[in-house]
Amino acid sequence: MADDLRYGLEKMYREHRGTTVGMLTGLLLGAMILLCGFFNTLFLALCIGAGLYIGRKLDKGEGDDFFKILDRLPERFRH
């Protein structure tokens, strides 16, 4: 039975990748809202988005702006 479920999910992912990813994202978001609350989930999503944005900038070699911001932070926040 577990193999049938796995096969069905793999087939659904291959044929309808966007729908499957969207459905799983919605499921995860809904569970997070139920477990943690709306504003905690929103804060977490914003932190993930900021981390993704900074990480992509660094991967592309465009991290100079990020390092300029870090240089302006007081010494006690740089550890």
PDB file of N, CA and C in Angstrom:
ATOM      1  N   MET A   1       0.811  -1.186   0.000  1.00  0.00           N
ATOM      2  CA  MET A   1       0.000   0.000   0.000  1.00  0.00           C
ATOM      3  C   MET A   1       0.861   1.260   0.000  1.00  0.00           C
ATOM      4  N   ALA A   2       1.936   1.261   0.785  1.00  0.00           N
ATOM      5  CA  ALA A   2       2.825   2.418   0.830  1.00  0.00           C
ATOM      6  C   ALA A   2       3.491   2.638  -0.523  1.00  0.00           C
ATOM      7  N   ASP A   3       3.806   1.540  -1.224  1.00  0.00           N
ATOM      8  CA  ASP A   3       4.421   1.661  -2.542  1.00  0.00           C
ATOM      9  C   ASP A   3       3.442   2.275  -3.545  1.00  0.00           C
ATOM     10  N   ASP A   4       2.161   1.907  -3.445  1.00  0.00           N
ATOM     11  CA  ASP A   4       1.160   2.480  -4.338  1.00  0.00           C
ATOM     12  C   ASP A   4       1.012   3.984  -4.104  1.00  0.00           C
ATOM     13  N   LEU A   5       1.029   4.384  -2.846  1.00  0.00           N
ATOM     14  CA  LEU A   5       0.917   5.804  -2.511  1.00  0.00           C
ATOM     15  C   LEU A   5       2.126   6.564  -3.028  1.00  0.00           C
ATOM     16  N   ARG A   6       3.297   6.000  -2.812  1.00  0.00           N
ATOM     17  CA  ARG A   6       4.530   6.641  -3.290  1.00  0.00           C
ATOM     18  C   ARG A   6       4.528   6.753  -4.812  1.00  0.00           C
ATOM     19  N   TYR A   7       4.128   5.690  -5.490  1.00  0.00           N
ATOM     20  CA  TYR A   7       4.064   5.719  -6.953  1.00  0.00           C
ATOM     21  C   TYR A   7       3.070   6.779  -7.423  1.00  0.00           C
ATOM     22  N   GLY A   8       1.911   6.850  -6.766  1.00  0.00           N
ATOM     23  CA  GLY A   8       0.908   7.836  -7.148  1.00  0.00           C
ATOM     24  C   GLY A   8       1.404   9.260  -6.954  1.00  0.00           C
ATOM     25  N   LEU A   9       2.095   9.513  -5.840  1.00  0.00           N
ATOM     26  CA  LEU A   9       2.633  10.849  -5.589  1.00  0.00           C
ATOM     27  C   LEU A   9       3.733  11.209  -6.579  1.00  0.00           C
ATOM     28  N   GLU A  10       4.592  10.245  -6.902  1.00  0.00           N
ATOM     29  CA  GLU A  10       5.648  10.501  -7.886  1.00  0.00           C
ATOM     30  C   GLU A  10       5.063  10.791  -9.262  1.00  0.00           C
ATOM     31  N   LYS A  11       4.031  10.040  -9.644  1.00  0.00           N
ATOM     32  CA  LYS A  11       3.378  10.258 -10.935  1.00  0.00           C
ATOM     33  C   LYS A  11       2.718  11.636 -10.970  1.00  0.00           C
ATOM     34  N   MET A  12       2.041  12.000  -9.878  1.00  0.00           N
ATOM     35  CA  MET A  12       1.392  13.304  -9.809  1.00  0.00           C
ATOM     36  C   MET A  12       2.434  14.419  -9.896  1.00  0.00           C
ATOM     37  N   TYR A  13       3.584  14.249  -9.236  1.00  0.00           N
ATOM     38  CA  TYR A  13       4.629  15.258  -9.277  1.00  0.00           C
ATOM     39  C   TYR A  13       5.208  15.395 -10.684  1.00  0.00           C
ATOM     40  N   ARG A  14       5.434  14.274 -11.356  1.00  0.00           N
ATOM     41  CA  ARG A  14       5.984  14.332 -12.717  1.00  0.00           C
ATOM     42  C   ARG A  14       5.021  15.004 -13.688  1.00  0.00           C
ATOM     43  N   GLU A  15       3.742  14.703 -13.570  1.00  0.00           N
ATOM     44  CA  GLU A  15       2.769  15.208 -14.534  1.00  0.00           C
ATOM     45  C   GLU A  15       2.221  16.589 -14.183  1.00  0.00           C
ATOM     46  N   HIS A  16       2.189  16.920 -12.902  1.00  0.00           N
ATOM     47  CA  HIS A  16       1.607  18.189 -12.457  1.00  0.00           C
ATOM     48  C   HIS A  16       2.499  18.811 -11.383  1.00  0.00           C
ATOM     49  N   ARG A  17       3.716  19.138 -11.762  1.00  0.00           N
ATOM     50  CA  ARG A  17       4.711  19.621 -10.806  1.00  0.00           C
ATOM     51  C   ARG A  17       4.258  20.892 -10.092  1.00  0.00           C
ATOM     52  N   GLY A  18       3.788  21.897 -10.819  1.00  0.00           N
ATOM     53  CA  GLY A  18       3.376  23.157 -10.208  1.00  0.00           C
ATOM     54  C   GLY A  18       2.222  22.982  -9.244  1.00  0.00           C
ATOM     55  N   THR A  19       1.240  22.182  -9.629  1.00  0.00           N
ATOM     56  CA  THR A  19       0.087  21.930  -8.767  1.00  0.00           C
ATOM     57  C   THR A  19       0.512  21.208  -7.493  1.00  0.00           C
ATOM     58  N   THR A  20       1.388  20.238  -7.627  1.00  0.00           N
ATOM     59  CA  THR A  20       1.843  19.469  -6.473  1.00  0.00           C
ATOM     60  C   THR A  20       2.637  20.337  -5.512  1.00  0.00           C
ATOM     61  N   VAL A  21       3.551  21.131  -6.044  1.00  0.00           N
ATOM     62  CA  VAL A  21       4.346  22.010  -5.184  1.00  0.00           C
ATOM     63  C   VAL A  21       3.439  23.046  -4.514  1.00  0.00           C
ATOM     64  N   GLY A  22       2.497  23.605  -5.251  1.00  0.00           N
ATOM     65  CA  GLY A  22       1.564  24.565  -4.680  1.00  0.00           C
ATOM     66  C   GLY A  22       0.714  23.953  -3.587  1.00  0.00           C
ATOM     67  N   MET A  23       0.245  22.739  -3.807  1.00  0.00           N
ATOM     68  CA  MET A  23      -0.572  22.052  -2.815  1.00  0.00           C
ATOM     69  C   MET A  23       0.224  21.777  -1.545  1.00  0.00           C
ATOM     70  N   LEU A  24       1.442  21.294  -1.684  1.00  0.00           N
ATOM     71  CA  LEU A  24       2.267  21.006  -0.516  1.00  0.00           C
ATOM     72  C   LEU A  24       2.667  22.288   0.217  1.00  0.00           C
ATOM     73  N   THR A  25       2.904  23.359  -0.526  1.00  0.00           N
ATOM     74  CA  THR A  25       3.207  24.644   0.099  1.00  0.00           C
ATOM     75  C   THR A  25       2.008  25.146   0.892  1.00  0.00           C
ATOM     76  N   GLY A  26       0.816  25.035   0.322  1.00  0.00           N
ATOM     77  CA  GLY A  26      -0.392  25.427   1.023  1.00  0.00           C
ATOM     78  C   GLY A  26      -0.634  24.591   2.270  1.00  0.00           C
ATOM     79  N   LEU A  27      -0.370  23.306   2.165  1.00  0.00           N
ATOM     80  CA  LEU A  27      -0.512  22.425   3.326  1.00  0.00           C
ATOM     81  C   LEU A  27       0.447  22.821   4.435  1.00  0.00           C
ATOM     82  N   LEU A  28       1.694  23.075   4.079  1.00  0.00           N
ATOM     83  CA  LEU A  28       2.689  23.480   5.066  1.00  0.00           C
ATOM     84  C   LEU A  28       2.330  24.832   5.681  1.00  0.00           C
ATOM     85  N   LEU A  29       1.929  25.785   4.857  1.00  0.00           N
ATOM     86  CA  LEU A  29       1.552  27.106   5.356  1.00  0.00           C
ATOM     87  C   LEU A  29       0.345  27.017   6.284  1.00  0.00           C
ATOM     88  N   GLY A  30      -0.649  26.249   5.903  1.00  0.00           N
ATOM     89  CA  GLY A  30      -1.831  26.073   6.745  1.00  0.00           C
ATOM     90  C   GLY A  30      -1.495  25.429   8.075  1.00  0.00           C
ATOM     91  N   ALA A  31      -0.639  24.425   8.057  1.00  0.00           N
ATOM     92  CA  ALA A  31      -0.232  23.767   9.300  1.00  0.00           C
ATOM     93  C   ALA A  31       0.547  24.726  10.191  1.00  0.00           C
ATOM     94  N   MET A  32       1.402  25.531   9.584  1.00  0.00           N
ATOM     95  CA  MET A  32       2.174  26.502  10.371  1.00  0.00           C
ATOM     96  C   MET A  32       1.258  27.532  11.018  1.00  0.00           C
ATOM     97  N   ILE A  33       0.260  27.998  10.282  1.00  0.00           N
ATOM     98  CA  ILE A  33      -0.673  28.980  10.839  1.00  0.00           C
ATOM     99  C   ILE A  33      -1.460  28.364  11.989  1.00  0.00           C
ATOM    100  N   LEU A  34      -1.899  27.128  11.825  1.00  0.00           N
ATOM    101  CA  LEU A  34      -2.648  26.471  12.898  1.00  0.00           C
ATOM    102  C   LEU A  34      -1.786  26.218  14.129  1.00  0.00           C
ATOM    103  N   LEU A  35      -0.545  25.829  13.929  1.00  0.00           N
ATOM    104  CA  LEU A  35       0.324  25.484  15.045  1.00  0.00           C
ATOM    105  C   LEU A  35       0.964  26.701  15.717  1.00  0.00           C
ATOM    106  N   CYS A  36       1.378  27.689  14.913  1.00  0.00           N
ATOM    107  CA  CYS A  36       2.152  28.811  15.455  1.00  0.00           C
ATOM    108  C   CYS A  36       1.382  30.118  15.509  1.00  0.00           C
ATOM    109  N   GLY A  37       0.329  30.234  14.747  1.00  0.00           N
ATOM    110  CA  GLY A  37      -0.400  31.497  14.673  1.00  0.00           C
ATOM    111  C   GLY A  37      -0.034  32.255  13.407  1.00  0.00           C
ATOM    112  N   PHE A  38      -0.916  33.165  13.033  1.00  0.00           N
ATOM    113  CA  PHE A  38      -0.747  33.887  11.769  1.00  0.00           C
ATOM    114  C   PHE A  38       0.487  34.782  11.776  1.00  0.00           C
ATOM    115  N   PHE A  39       0.654  35.604  12.811  1.00  0.00           N
ATOM    116  CA  PHE A  39       1.744  36.579  12.802  1.00  0.00           C
ATOM    117  C   PHE A  39       3.111  35.929  12.984  1.00  0.00           C
ATOM    118  N   ASN A  40       3.186  34.864  13.764  1.00  0.00           N
ATOM    119  CA  ASN A  40       4.453  34.137  13.875  1.00  0.00           C
ATOM    120  C   ASN A  40       4.832  33.499  12.537  1.00  0.00           C
ATOM    121  N   THR A  41       3.837  32.957  11.849  1.00  0.00           N
ATOM    122  CA  THR A  41       4.085  32.362  10.540  1.00  0.00           C
ATOM    123  C   THR A  41       4.483  33.431   9.537  1.00  0.00           C
ATOM    124  N   LEU A  42       3.829  34.587   9.580  1.00  0.00           N
ATOM    125  CA  LEU A  42       4.175  35.695   8.688  1.00  0.00           C
ATOM    126  C   LEU A  42       5.599  36.161   8.946  1.00  0.00           C
ATOM    127  N   PHE A  43       5.975  36.291  10.211  1.00  0.00           N
ATOM    128  CA  PHE A  43       7.344  36.684  10.556  1.00  0.00           C
ATOM    129  C   PHE A  43       8.357  35.669  10.034  1.00  0.00           C
ATOM    130  N   LEU A  44       8.061  34.391  10.199  1.00  0.00           N
ATOM    131  CA  LEU A  44       8.952  33.348   9.703  1.00  0.00           C
ATOM    132  C   LEU A  44       9.088  33.416   8.189  1.00  0.00           C
ATOM    133  N   ALA A  45       7.969  33.636   7.498  1.00  0.00           N
ATOM    134  CA  ALA A  45       8.013  33.745   6.036  1.00  0.00           C
ATOM    135  C   ALA A  45       8.841  34.948   5.595  1.00  0.00           C
ATOM    136  N   LEU A  46       8.725  36.063   6.302  1.00  0.00           N
ATOM    137  CA  LEU A  46       9.521  37.245   5.974  1.00  0.00           C
ATOM    138  C   LEU A  46      11.011  36.994   6.207  1.00  0.00           C
ATOM    139  N   CYS A  47      11.343  36.301   7.291  1.00  0.00           N
ATOM    140  CA  CYS A  47      12.745  35.960   7.553  1.00  0.00           C
ATOM    141  C   CYS A  47      13.302  35.029   6.480  1.00  0.00           C
ATOM    142  N   ILE A  48      12.508  34.059   6.074  1.00  0.00           N
ATOM    143  CA  ILE A  48      12.942  33.142   5.019  1.00  0.00           C
ATOM    144  C   ILE A  48      13.137  33.908   3.713  1.00  0.00           C
ATOM    145  N   GLY A  49      12.208  34.806   3.397  1.00  0.00           N
ATOM    146  CA  GLY A  49      12.321  35.610   2.181  1.00  0.00           C
ATOM    147  C   GLY A  49      13.551  36.500   2.193  1.00  0.00           C
ATOM    148  N   ALA A  50      13.835  37.130   3.334  1.00  0.00           N
ATOM    149  CA  ALA A  50      15.030  37.973   3.443  1.00  0.00           C
ATOM    150  C   ALA A  50      16.293  37.131   3.294  1.00  0.00           C
ATOM    151  N   GLY A  51      16.319  35.964   3.915  1.00  0.00           N
ATOM    152  CA  GLY A  51      17.473  35.078   3.781  1.00  0.00           C
ATOM    153  C   GLY A  51      17.668  34.595   2.356  1.00  0.00           C
ATOM    154  N   LEU A  52      16.571  34.296   1.684  1.00  0.00           N
ATOM    155  CA  LEU A  52      16.639  33.875   0.286  1.00  0.00           C
ATOM    156  C   LEU A  52      17.170  34.997  -0.594  1.00  0.00           C
ATOM    157  N   TYR A  53      16.682  36.214  -0.356  1.00  0.00           N
ATOM    158  CA  TYR A  53      17.125  37.372  -1.134  1.00  0.00           C
ATOM    159  C   TYR A  53      18.623  37.622  -0.941  1.00  0.00           C
ATOM    160  N   ILE A  54      19.064  37.621   0.310  1.00  0.00           N
ATOM    161  CA  ILE A  54      20.484  37.864   0.596  1.00  0.00           C
ATOM    162  C   ILE A  54      21.341  36.735   0.034  1.00  0.00           C
ATOM    163  N   GLY A  55      20.891  35.493   0.203  1.00  0.00           N
ATOM    164  CA  GLY A  55      21.651  34.356  -0.311  1.00  0.00           C
ATOM    165  C   GLY A  55      21.807  34.384  -1.821  1.00  0.00           C
ATOM    166  N   ARG A  56      20.749  34.745  -2.534  1.00  0.00           N
ATOM    167  CA  ARG A  56      20.847  34.838  -3.997  1.00  0.00           C
ATOM    168  C   ARG A  56      21.791  35.950  -4.421  1.00  0.00           C
ATOM    169  N   LYS A  57      21.743  37.077  -3.706  1.00  0.00           N
ATOM    170  CA  LYS A  57      22.663  38.181  -4.010  1.00  0.00           C
ATOM    171  C   LYS A  57      24.104  37.725  -3.815  1.00  0.00           C
ATOM    172  N   LEU A  58      24.370  37.034  -2.718  1.00  0.00           N
ATOM    173  CA  LEU A  58      25.719  36.557  -2.452  1.00  0.00           C
ATOM    174  C   LEU A  58      26.164  35.524  -3.487  1.00  0.00           C
ATOM    175  N   ASP A  59      25.256  34.640  -3.908  1.00  0.00           N
ATOM    176  CA  ASP A  59      25.590  33.635  -4.913  1.00  0.00           C
ATOM    177  C   ASP A  59      25.944  34.273  -6.257  1.00  0.00           C
ATOM    178  N   LYS A  60      25.272  35.379  -6.586  1.00  0.00           N
ATOM    179  CA  LYS A  60      25.528  36.060  -7.850  1.00  0.00           C
ATOM    180  C   LYS A  60      26.739  36.984  -7.777  1.00  0.00           C
ATOM    181  N   GLY A  61      27.345  37.127  -6.602  1.00  0.00           N
ATOM    182  CA  GLY A  61      28.485  38.009  -6.443  1.00  0.00           C
ATOM    183  C   GLY A  61      28.080  39.462  -6.272  1.00  0.00           C
ATOM    184  N   GLU A  62      26.827  39.706  -5.929  1.00  0.00           N
ATOM    185  CA  GLU A  62      26.329  41.061  -5.747  1.00  0.00           C
ATOM    186  C   GLU A  62      26.162  41.381  -4.268  1.00  0.00           C
ATOM    187  N   GLY A  63      26.995  40.810  -3.431  1.00  0.00           N
ATOM    188  CA  GLY A  63      26.836  40.946  -1.996  1.00  0.00           C
ATOM    189  C   GLY A  63      27.468  42.189  -1.404  1.00  0.00           C
ATOM    190  N   ASP A  64      27.985  43.079  -2.237  1.00  0.00           N
ATOM    191  CA  ASP A  64      28.644  44.277  -1.719  1.00  0.00           C
ATOM    192  C   ASP A  64      27.695  45.124  -0.875  1.00  0.00           C
ATOM    193  N   ASP A  65      26.452  45.269  -1.309  1.00  0.00           N
ATOM    194  CA  ASP A  65      25.481  46.060  -0.542  1.00  0.00           C
ATOM    195  C   ASP A  65      25.246  45.445   0.830  1.00  0.00           C
ATOM    196  N   PHE A  66      25.166  44.142   0.884  1.00  0.00           N
ATOM    197  CA  PHE A  66      24.945  43.446   2.148  1.00  0.00           C
ATOM    198  C   PHE A  66      26.115  43.671   3.103  1.00  0.00           C
ATOM    199  N   PHE A  67      27.335  43.590   2.572  1.00  0.00           N
ATOM    200  CA  PHE A  67      28.503  43.782   3.424  1.00  0.00           C
ATOM    201  C   PHE A  67      28.639  45.238   3.874  1.00  0.00           C
ATOM    202  N   LYS A  68      28.192  46.188   3.064  1.00  0.00           N
ATOM    203  CA  LYS A  68      28.186  47.595   3.479  1.00  0.00           C
ATOM    204  C   LYS A  68      27.242  47.804   4.656  1.00  0.00           C
ATOM    205  N   ILE A  69      26.091  47.143   4.630  1.00  0.00           N
ATOM    206  CA  ILE A  69      25.141  47.239   5.740  1.00  0.00           C
ATOM    207  C   ILE A  69      25.753  46.632   6.999  1.00  0.00           C
ATOM    208  N   LEU A  70      26.417  45.489   6.857  1.00  0.00           N
ATOM    209  CA  LEU A  70      27.048  44.860   8.018  1.00  0.00           C
ATOM    210  C   LEU A  70      28.150  45.733   8.603  1.00  0.00           C
ATOM    211  N   ASP A  71      28.872  46.447   7.760  1.00  0.00           N
ATOM    212  CA  ASP A  71      29.936  47.318   8.247  1.00  0.00           C
ATOM    213  C   ASP A  71      29.401  48.472   9.074  1.00  0.00           C
ATOM    214  N   ARG A  72      28.155  48.880   8.836  1.00  0.00           N
ATOM    215  CA  ARG A  72      27.564  49.987   9.585  1.00  0.00           C
ATOM    216  C   ARG A  72      26.990  49.555  10.933  1.00  0.00           C
ATOM    217  N   LEU A  73      26.876  48.262  11.166  1.00  0.00           N
ATOM    218  CA  LEU A  73      26.352  47.785  12.449  1.00  0.00           C
ATOM    219  C   LEU A  73      27.353  48.049  13.566  1.00  0.00           C
ATOM    220  N   PRO A  74      26.869  48.342  14.753  1.00  0.00           N
ATOM    221  CA  PRO A  74      27.796  48.498  15.878  1.00  0.00           C
ATOM    222  C   PRO A  74      28.563  47.204  16.133  1.00  0.00           C
ATOM    223  N   GLU A  75      29.720  47.319  16.721  1.00  0.00           N
ATOM    224  CA  GLU A  75      30.609  46.182  16.949  1.00  0.00           C
ATOM    225  C   GLU A  75      29.950  45.060  17.745  1.00  0.00           C
ATOM    226  N   ARG A  76      29.080  45.401  18.678  1.00  0.00           N
ATOM    227  CA  ARG A  76      28.491  44.363  19.541  1.00  0.00           C
ATOM    228  C   ARG A  76      27.541  43.441  18.783  1.00  0.00           C
ATOM    229  N   PHE A  77      27.045  43.831  17.599  1.00  0.00           N
ATOM    230  CA  PHE A  77      26.146  43.000  16.815  1.00  0.00           C
ATOM    231  C   PHE A  77      26.862  42.158  15.766  1.00  0.00           C
ATOM    232  N   ARG A  78      28.164  42.255  15.671  1.00  0.00           N
ATOM    233  CA  ARG A  78      28.908  41.571  14.600  1.00  0.00           C
ATOM    234  C   ARG A  78      29.429  40.201  14.995  1.00  0.00           C
ATOM    235  N   HIS A  79      29.155  39.710  16.146  1.00  0.00           N
ATOM    236  CA  HIS A  79      29.710  38.423  16.592  1.00  0.00           C
ATOM    237  C   HIS A  79      28.990  37.303  15.982  1.00  0.00           C
TER     238      HIS A  79
END
